[in-house]
Amino acid sequence: MRAVRRPLGSHVEWHHVVPKSEGGRETVALHPICHRTIHASATNAELARRYPTLDALREREDIARFLDWIADKPPDFHAPTRRKPG
């Protein structure tokens, strides 16, 4: 999968690559819709164990589909975030 780098627009949110509650320290700037999608898709424990890097997260099927969908949207685009069932 290609690495997607979106312009951040006028708003930035900081994401702990490994959640702070799981011992993470590194943060990266993300577009708010991307940040919300990550946290709606996986628990902090899953992010720490299964997706400890942005590259690993990008390979997750639902995230990959989201990144393909969002790729052509303008930097200030926003839409409601759908939560993972269950």
PDB file of N, CA and C in Angstrom:
ATOM      1  N   MET A   1       0.833  -1.180   0.000  1.00  0.00           N
ATOM      2  CA  MET A   1       0.000   0.000   0.000  1.00  0.00           C
ATOM      3  C   MET A   1       0.878   1.245   0.000  1.00  0.00           C
ATOM      4  N   ARG A   2       0.417   2.243  -0.701  1.00  0.00           N
ATOM      5  CA  ARG A   2       1.208   3.472  -0.762  1.00  0.00           C
ATOM      6  C   ARG A   2       1.078   4.255   0.544  1.00  0.00           C
ATOM      7  N   ALA A   3       2.101   4.947   0.900  1.00  0.00           N
ATOM      8  CA  ALA A   3       2.047   5.802   2.090  1.00  0.00           C
ATOM      9  C   ALA A   3       1.265   7.055   1.736  1.00  0.00           C
ATOM     10  N   VAL A   4       0.267   7.378   2.522  1.00  0.00           N
ATOM     11  CA  VAL A   4      -0.570   8.542   2.266  1.00  0.00           C
ATOM     12  C   VAL A   4      -0.161   9.652   3.215  1.00  0.00           C
ATOM     13  N   ARG A   5       0.140  10.785   2.657  1.00  0.00           N
ATOM     14  CA  ARG A   5       0.476  11.961   3.458  1.00  0.00           C
ATOM     15  C   ARG A   5      -0.494  13.056   3.051  1.00  0.00           C
ATOM     16  N   ARG A   6      -1.408  13.386   3.953  1.00  0.00           N
ATOM     17  CA  ARG A   6      -2.406  14.404   3.667  1.00  0.00           C
ATOM     18  C   ARG A   6      -1.965  15.745   4.224  1.00  0.00           C
ATOM     19  N   PRO A   7      -2.321  16.828   3.509  1.00  0.00           N
ATOM     20  CA  PRO A   7      -2.106  18.140   4.110  1.00  0.00           C
ATOM     21  C   PRO A   7      -2.954  18.228   5.373  1.00  0.00           C
ATOM     22  N   LEU A   8      -2.445  18.856   6.399  1.00  0.00           N
ATOM     23  CA  LEU A   8      -3.146  18.896   7.671  1.00  0.00           C
ATOM     24  C   LEU A   8      -4.233  19.961   7.740  1.00  0.00           C
ATOM     25  N   GLY A   9      -4.217  20.923   6.851  1.00  0.00           N
ATOM     26  CA  GLY A   9      -5.226  21.976   6.925  1.00  0.00           C
ATOM     27  C   GLY A   9      -4.957  22.878   8.115  1.00  0.00           C
ATOM     28  N   SER A  10      -6.003  23.497   8.619  1.00  0.00           N
ATOM     29  CA  SER A  10      -5.826  24.485   9.683  1.00  0.00           C
ATOM     30  C   SER A  10      -5.837  23.867  11.084  1.00  0.00           C
ATOM     31  N   HIS A  11      -6.176  22.605  11.197  1.00  0.00           N
ATOM     32  CA  HIS A  11      -6.224  21.950  12.500  1.00  0.00           C
ATOM     33  C   HIS A  11      -5.295  20.747  12.538  1.00  0.00           C
ATOM     34  N   VAL A  12      -4.656  20.560  13.660  1.00  0.00           N
ATOM     35  CA  VAL A  12      -3.755  19.431  13.871  1.00  0.00           C
ATOM     36  C   VAL A  12      -4.092  18.810  15.211  1.00  0.00           C
ATOM     37  N   GLU A  13      -4.073  17.499  15.264  1.00  0.00           N
ATOM     38  CA  GLU A  13      -4.197  16.791  16.536  1.00  0.00           C
ATOM     39  C   GLU A  13      -2.952  15.932  16.687  1.00  0.00           C
ATOM     40  N   TRP A  14      -2.505  15.774  17.929  1.00  0.00           N
ATOM     41  CA  TRP A  14      -1.313  14.980  18.203  1.00  0.00           C
ATOM     42  C   TRP A  14      -1.726  13.581  18.635  1.00  0.00           C
ATOM     43  N   HIS A  15      -1.133  12.601  17.991  1.00  0.00           N
ATOM     44  CA  HIS A  15      -1.458  11.191  18.232  1.00  0.00           C
ATOM     45  C   HIS A  15      -0.237  10.480  18.794  1.00  0.00           C
ATOM     46  N   HIS A  16      -0.404   9.784  19.906  1.00  0.00           N
ATOM     47  CA  HIS A  16       0.659   8.920  20.417  1.00  0.00           C
ATOM     48  C   HIS A  16       0.659   7.654  19.571  1.00  0.00           C
ATOM     49  N   VAL A  17       1.751   7.379  18.880  1.00  0.00           N
ATOM     50  CA  VAL A  17       1.830   6.215  18.000  1.00  0.00           C
ATOM     51  C   VAL A  17       1.518   4.954  18.802  1.00  0.00           C
ATOM     52  N   VAL A  18       2.180   4.773  19.915  1.00  0.00           N
ATOM     53  CA  VAL A  18       1.781   3.774  20.911  1.00  0.00           C
ATOM     54  C   VAL A  18       1.087   4.594  21.995  1.00  0.00           C
ATOM     55  N   PRO A  19      -0.163   4.279  22.319  1.00  0.00           N
ATOM     56  CA  PRO A  19      -0.898   5.105  23.284  1.00  0.00           C
ATOM     57  C   PRO A  19      -0.139   5.347  24.582  1.00  0.00           C
ATOM     58  N   LYS A  20      -0.294   6.544  25.092  1.00  0.00           N
ATOM     59  CA  LYS A  20       0.374   6.931  26.330  1.00  0.00           C
ATOM     60  C   LYS A  20       0.018   5.966  27.461  1.00  0.00           C
ATOM     61  N   SER A  21      -1.237   5.512  27.486  1.00  0.00           N
ATOM     62  CA  SER A  21      -1.674   4.573  28.528  1.00  0.00           C
ATOM     63  C   SER A  21      -0.978   3.219  28.422  1.00  0.00           C
ATOM     64  N   GLU A  22      -0.358   2.968  27.264  1.00  0.00           N
ATOM     65  CA  GLU A  22       0.362   1.710  27.035  1.00  0.00           C
ATOM     66  C   GLU A  22       1.875   1.935  27.037  1.00  0.00           C
ATOM     67  N   GLY A  23       2.307   3.089  27.534  1.00  0.00           N
ATOM     68  CA  GLY A  23       3.735   3.368  27.672  1.00  0.00           C
ATOM     69  C   GLY A  23       4.356   4.138  26.527  1.00  0.00           C
ATOM     70  N   GLY A  24       3.565   4.579  25.566  1.00  0.00           N
ATOM     71  CA  GLY A  24       4.094   5.297  24.409  1.00  0.00           C
ATOM     72  C   GLY A  24       4.493   6.725  24.726  1.00  0.00           C
ATOM     73  N   ARG A  25       5.453   7.230  23.989  1.00  0.00           N
ATOM     74  CA  ARG A  25       5.922   8.607  24.160  1.00  0.00           C
ATOM     75  C   ARG A  25       5.901   9.383  22.839  1.00  0.00           C
ATOM     76  N   GLU A  26       6.220   8.714  21.719  1.00  0.00           N
ATOM     77  CA  GLU A  26       6.313   9.382  20.418  1.00  0.00           C
ATOM     78  C   GLU A  26       4.946   9.889  19.970  1.00  0.00           C
ATOM     79  N   THR A  27       4.906  11.145  19.515  1.00  0.00           N
ATOM     80  CA  THR A  27       3.676  11.703  18.971  1.00  0.00           C
ATOM     81  C   THR A  27       3.907  12.158  17.537  1.00  0.00           C
ATOM     82  N   VAL A  28       2.829  12.140  16.765  1.00  0.00           N
ATOM     83  CA  VAL A  28       2.864  12.620  15.386  1.00  0.00           C
ATOM     84  C   VAL A  28       1.650  13.510  15.163  1.00  0.00           C
ATOM     85  N   ALA A  29       1.807  14.499  14.292  1.00  0.00           N
ATOM     86  CA  ALA A  29       0.700  15.375  13.931  1.00  0.00           C
ATOM     87  C   ALA A  29      -0.187  14.654  12.926  1.00  0.00           C
ATOM     88  N   LEU A  30      -1.492  14.672  13.186  1.00  0.00           N
ATOM     89  CA  LEU A  30      -2.450  14.050  12.279  1.00  0.00           C
ATOM     90  C   LEU A  30      -3.601  15.002  12.009  1.00  0.00           C
ATOM     91  N   HIS A  31      -4.205  14.818  10.859  1.00  0.00           N
ATOM     92  CA  HIS A  31      -5.452  15.506  10.536  1.00  0.00           C
ATOM     93  C   HIS A  31      -6.513  14.969  11.495  1.00  0.00           C
ATOM     94  N   PRO A  32      -7.403  15.813  12.034  1.00  0.00           N
ATOM     95  CA  PRO A  32      -8.384  15.351  13.014  1.00  0.00           C
ATOM     96  C   PRO A  32      -9.233  14.162  12.560  1.00  0.00           C
ATOM     97  N   ILE A  33      -9.666  14.137  11.310  1.00  0.00           N
ATOM     98  CA  ILE A  33     -10.500  13.023  10.858  1.00  0.00           C
ATOM     99  C   ILE A  33      -9.695  11.715  10.850  1.00  0.00           C
ATOM    100  N   CYS A  34      -8.423  11.802  10.548  1.00  0.00           N
ATOM    101  CA  CYS A  34      -7.563  10.606  10.570  1.00  0.00           C
ATOM    102  C   CYS A  34      -7.367  10.127  12.012  1.00  0.00           C
ATOM    103  N   HIS A  35      -7.126  11.060  12.909  1.00  0.00           N
ATOM    104  CA  HIS A  35      -6.919  10.717  14.312  1.00  0.00           C
ATOM    105  C   HIS A  35      -8.162  10.042  14.892  1.00  0.00           C
ATOM    106  N   ARG A  36      -9.325  10.607  14.622  1.00  0.00           N
ATOM    107  CA  ARG A  36     -10.568  10.020  15.133  1.00  0.00           C
ATOM    108  C   ARG A  36     -10.832   8.641  14.546  1.00  0.00           C
ATOM    109  N   THR A  37     -10.503   8.466  13.283  1.00  0.00           N
ATOM    110  CA  THR A  37     -10.711   7.166  12.633  1.00  0.00           C
ATOM    111  C   THR A  37      -9.824   6.099  13.262  1.00  0.00           C
ATOM    112  N   ILE A  38      -8.597   6.431  13.566  1.00  0.00           N
ATOM    113  CA  ILE A  38      -7.690   5.475  14.209  1.00  0.00           C
ATOM    114  C   ILE A  38      -8.301   5.002  15.524  1.00  0.00           C
ATOM    115  N   HIS A  39      -8.732   5.946  16.365  1.00  0.00           N
ATOM    116  CA  HIS A  39      -9.241   5.572  17.682  1.00  0.00           C
ATOM    117  C   HIS A  39     -10.627   4.926  17.629  1.00  0.00           C
ATOM    118  N   ALA A  40     -11.372   5.165  16.559  1.00  0.00           N
ATOM    119  CA  ALA A  40     -12.661   4.487  16.389  1.00  0.00           C
ATOM    120  C   ALA A  40     -12.469   3.061  15.885  1.00  0.00           C
ATOM    121  N   SER A  41     -11.313   2.787  15.298  1.00  0.00           N
ATOM    122  CA  SER A  41     -11.063   1.488  14.674  1.00  0.00           C
ATOM    123  C   SER A  41     -10.360   0.487  15.574  1.00  0.00           C
ATOM    124  N   ALA A  42      -9.602   0.963  16.530  1.00  0.00           N
ATOM    125  CA  ALA A  42      -8.797   0.052  17.354  1.00  0.00           C
ATOM    126  C   ALA A  42      -8.719   0.563  18.788  1.00  0.00           C
ATOM    127  N   THR A  43      -8.642  -0.371  19.716  1.00  0.00           N
ATOM    128  CA  THR A  43      -8.461   0.001  21.118  1.00  0.00           C
ATOM    129  C   THR A  43      -7.011   0.410  21.352  1.00  0.00           C
ATOM    130  N   ASN A  44      -6.747   1.046  22.470  1.00  0.00           N
ATOM    131  CA  ASN A  44      -5.368   1.408  22.804  1.00  0.00           C
ATOM    132  C   ASN A  44      -4.489   0.168  22.905  1.00  0.00           C
ATOM    133  N   ALA A  45      -5.018  -0.910  23.472  1.00  0.00           N
ATOM    134  CA  ALA A  45      -4.231  -2.146  23.586  1.00  0.00           C
ATOM    135  C   ALA A  45      -3.892  -2.699  22.201  1.00  0.00           C
ATOM    136  N   GLU A  46      -4.859  -2.661  21.267  1.00  0.00           N
ATOM    137  CA  GLU A  46      -4.587  -3.125  19.898  1.00  0.00           C
ATOM    138  C   GLU A  46      -3.540  -2.250  19.226  1.00  0.00           C
ATOM    139  N   LEU A  47      -3.659  -0.944  19.412  1.00  0.00           N
ATOM    140  CA  LEU A  47      -2.681  -0.039  18.809  1.00  0.00           C
ATOM    141  C   LEU A  47      -1.281  -0.348  19.326  1.00  0.00           C
ATOM    142  N   ALA A  48      -1.157  -0.604  20.613  1.00  0.00           N
ATOM    143  CA  ALA A  48       0.156  -0.882  21.199  1.00  0.00           C
ATOM    144  C   ALA A  48       0.719  -2.219  20.733  1.00  0.00           C
ATOM    145  N   ARG A  49      -0.114  -3.251  20.716  1.00  0.00           N
ATOM    146  CA  ARG A  49       0.377  -4.607  20.403  1.00  0.00           C
ATOM    147  C   ARG A  49       0.466  -4.907  18.917  1.00  0.00           C
ATOM    148  N   ARG A  50      -0.570  -4.553  18.182  1.00  0.00           N
ATOM    149  CA  ARG A  50      -0.638  -4.967  16.782  1.00  0.00           C
ATOM    150  C   ARG A  50      -0.222  -3.895  15.789  1.00  0.00           C
ATOM    151  N   TYR A  51      -0.304  -2.616  16.191  1.00  0.00           N
ATOM    152  CA  TYR A  51      -0.034  -1.505  15.269  1.00  0.00           C
ATOM    153  C   TYR A  51       0.872  -0.464  15.921  1.00  0.00           C
ATOM    154  N   PRO A  52       2.079  -0.855  16.332  1.00  0.00           N
ATOM    155  CA  PRO A  52       2.953   0.066  17.068  1.00  0.00           C
ATOM    156  C   PRO A  52       3.666   1.102  16.186  1.00  0.00           C
ATOM    157  N   THR A  53       3.428   1.042  14.861  1.00  0.00           N
ATOM    158  CA  THR A  53       4.000   2.033  13.949  1.00  0.00           C
ATOM    159  C   THR A  53       2.905   2.520  13.013  1.00  0.00           C
ATOM    160  N   LEU A  54       3.097   3.696  12.431  1.00  0.00           N
ATOM    161  CA  LEU A  54       2.117   4.187  11.465  1.00  0.00           C
ATOM    162  C   LEU A  54       2.067   3.288  10.238  1.00  0.00           C
ATOM    163  N   ASP A  55       3.209   2.738   9.821  1.00  0.00           N
ATOM    164  CA  ASP A  55       3.205   1.825   8.674  1.00  0.00           C
ATOM    165  C   ASP A  55       2.365   0.590   8.951  1.00  0.00           C
ATOM    166  N   ALA A  56       2.472   0.032  10.151  1.00  0.00           N
ATOM    167  CA  ALA A  56       1.662  -1.138  10.503  1.00  0.00           C
ATOM    168  C   ALA A  56       0.179  -0.769  10.513  1.00  0.00           C
ATOM    169  N   LEU A  57      -0.135   0.399  11.005  1.00  0.00           N
ATOM    170  CA  LEU A  57      -1.524   0.849  11.046  1.00  0.00           C
ATOM    171  C   LEU A  57      -2.068   1.055   9.634  1.00  0.00           C
ATOM    172  N   ARG A  58      -1.264   1.608   8.738  1.00  0.00           N
ATOM    173  CA  ARG A  58      -1.682   1.832   7.352  1.00  0.00           C
ATOM    174  C   ARG A  58      -2.001   0.522   6.630  1.00  0.00           C
ATOM    175  N   GLU A  59      -1.425  -0.573   7.088  1.00  0.00           N
ATOM    176  CA  GLU A  59      -1.668  -1.871   6.456  1.00  0.00           C
ATOM    177  C   GLU A  59      -2.964  -2.517   6.931  1.00  0.00           C
ATOM    178  N   ARG A  60      -3.536  -2.021   8.002  1.00  0.00           N
ATOM    179  CA  ARG A  60      -4.807  -2.542   8.494  1.00  0.00           C
ATOM    180  C   ARG A  60      -5.874  -2.274   7.425  1.00  0.00           C
ATOM    181  N   GLU A  61      -6.675  -3.288   7.101  1.00  0.00           N
ATOM    182  CA  GLU A  61      -7.599  -3.202   5.963  1.00  0.00           C
ATOM    183  C   GLU A  61      -8.570  -2.021   6.048  1.00  0.00           C
ATOM    184  N   ASP A  62      -9.206  -1.816   7.196  1.00  0.00           N
ATOM    185  CA  ASP A  62     -10.176  -0.719   7.290  1.00  0.00           C
ATOM    186  C   ASP A  62      -9.495   0.648   7.229  1.00  0.00           C
ATOM    187  N   ILE A  63      -8.304   0.754   7.763  1.00  0.00           N
ATOM    188  CA  ILE A  63      -7.554   2.017   7.691  1.00  0.00           C
ATOM    189  C   ILE A  63      -7.112   2.265   6.252  1.00  0.00           C
ATOM    190  N   ALA A  64      -6.649   1.219   5.574  1.00  0.00           N
ATOM    191  CA  ALA A  64      -6.238   1.349   4.169  1.00  0.00           C
ATOM    192  C   ALA A  64      -7.410   1.830   3.307  1.00  0.00           C
ATOM    193  N   ARG A  65      -8.600   1.269   3.523  1.00  0.00           N
ATOM    194  CA  ARG A  65      -9.789   1.712   2.773  1.00  0.00           C
ATOM    195  C   ARG A  65     -10.099   3.177   3.089  1.00  0.00           C
ATOM    196  N   PHE A  66     -10.023   3.540   4.366  1.00  0.00           N
ATOM    197  CA  PHE A  66     -10.268   4.931   4.757  1.00  0.00           C
ATOM    198  C   PHE A  66      -9.272   5.862   4.077  1.00  0.00           C
ATOM    199  N   LEU A  67      -7.990   5.509   4.080  1.00  0.00           N
ATOM    200  CA  LEU A  67      -6.967   6.361   3.470  1.00  0.00           C
ATOM    201  C   LEU A  67      -7.189   6.518   1.974  1.00  0.00           C
ATOM    202  N   ASP A  68      -7.628   5.456   1.304  1.00  0.00           N
ATOM    203  CA  ASP A  68      -7.953   5.566  -0.121  1.00  0.00           C
ATOM    204  C   ASP A  68      -9.130   6.513  -0.337  1.00  0.00           C
ATOM    205  N   TRP A  69     -10.143   6.431   0.537  1.00  0.00           N
ATOM    206  CA  TRP A  69     -11.332   7.263   0.423  1.00  0.00           C
ATOM    207  C   TRP A  69     -11.013   8.736   0.689  1.00  0.00           C
ATOM    208  N   ILE A  70     -10.193   9.000   1.685  1.00  0.00           N
ATOM    209  CA  ILE A  70      -9.927  10.372   2.107  1.00  0.00           C
ATOM    210  C   ILE A  70      -8.878  11.070   1.228  1.00  0.00           C
ATOM    211  N   ALA A  71      -8.140  10.319   0.450  1.00  0.00           N
ATOM    212  CA  ALA A  71      -6.983  10.847  -0.287  1.00  0.00           C
ATOM    213  C   ALA A  71      -7.294  12.058  -1.163  1.00  0.00           C
ATOM    214  N   ASP A  72      -8.464  12.099  -1.773  1.00  0.00           N
ATOM    215  CA  ASP A  72      -8.758  13.208  -2.685  1.00  0.00           C
ATOM    216  C   ASP A  72      -9.617  14.310  -2.058  1.00  0.00           C
ATOM    217  N   LYS A  73      -9.834  14.232  -0.757  1.00  0.00           N
ATOM    218  CA  LYS A  73     -10.640  15.243  -0.071  1.00  0.00           C
ATOM    219  C   LYS A  73      -9.768  16.459   0.254  1.00  0.00           C
ATOM    220  N   PRO A  74     -10.377  17.655   0.335  1.00  0.00           N
ATOM    221  CA  PRO A  74      -9.600  18.857   0.667  1.00  0.00           C
ATOM    222  C   PRO A  74      -9.076  18.802   2.102  1.00  0.00           C
ATOM    223  N   PRO A  75      -8.019  19.556   2.413  1.00  0.00           N
ATOM    224  CA  PRO A  75      -7.401  19.508   3.748  1.00  0.00           C
ATOM    225  C   PRO A  75      -8.351  19.797   4.906  1.00  0.00           C
ATOM    226  N   ASP A  76      -9.344  20.641   4.721  1.00  0.00           N
ATOM    227  CA  ASP A  76     -10.260  20.969   5.816  1.00  0.00           C
ATOM    228  C   ASP A  76     -11.531  20.126   5.806  1.00  0.00           C
ATOM    229  N   PHE A  77     -11.542  19.046   5.040  1.00  0.00           N
ATOM    230  CA  PHE A  77     -12.704  18.155   4.971  1.00  0.00           C
ATOM    231  C   PHE A  77     -12.955  17.501   6.334  1.00  0.00           C
ATOM    232  N   HIS A  78     -14.229  17.372   6.669  1.00  0.00           N
ATOM    233  CA  HIS A  78     -14.597  16.657   7.881  1.00  0.00           C
ATOM    234  C   HIS A  78     -15.888  15.900   7.621  1.00  0.00           C
ATOM    235  N   ALA A  79     -16.006  14.739   8.217  1.00  0.00           N
ATOM    236  CA  ALA A  79     -17.218  13.922   8.142  1.00  0.00           C
ATOM    237  C   ALA A  79     -17.345  13.202   9.475  1.00  0.00           C
ATOM    238  N   PRO A  80     -18.551  12.780   9.828  1.00  0.00           N
ATOM    239  CA  PRO A  80     -18.710  12.017  11.074  1.00  0.00           C
ATOM    240  C   PRO A  80     -17.862  10.745  11.032  1.00  0.00           C
ATOM    241  N   THR A  81     -17.335  10.390  12.176  1.00  0.00           N
ATOM    242  CA  THR A  81     -16.508   9.181  12.279  1.00  0.00           C
ATOM    243  C   THR A  81     -17.386   8.018  12.685  1.00  0.00           C
ATOM    244  N   ARG A  82     -17.265   6.925  11.950  1.00  0.00           N
ATOM    245  CA  ARG A  82     -18.010   5.719  12.281  1.00  0.00           C
ATOM    246  C   ARG A  82     -17.196   4.863  13.244  1.00  0.00           C
ATOM    247  N   ARG A  83     -17.841   4.420  14.277  1.00  0.00           N
ATOM    248  CA  ARG A  83     -17.179   3.554  15.259  1.00  0.00           C
ATOM    249  C   ARG A  83     -17.272   2.103  14.841  1.00  0.00           C
ATOM    250  N   LYS A  84     -16.269   1.337  15.197  1.00  0.00           N
ATOM    251  CA  LYS A  84     -16.256  -0.091  14.969  1.00  0.00           C
ATOM    252  C   LYS A  84     -17.353  -0.734  15.821  1.00  0.00           C
ATOM    253  N   PRO A  85     -18.185  -1.617  15.231  1.00  0.00           N
ATOM    254  CA  PRO A  85     -19.230  -2.267  16.044  1.00  0.00           C
ATOM    255  C   PRO A  85     -18.632  -3.129  17.138  1.00  0.00           C
ATOM    256  N   GLY A  86     -19.345  -3.208  18.242  1.00  0.00           N
ATOM    257  CA  GLY A  86     -18.941  -4.123  19.299  1.00  0.00           C
ATOM    258  C   GLY A  86     -18.213  -3.477  20.368  1.00  0.00           C
TER     259      GLY A  86
END
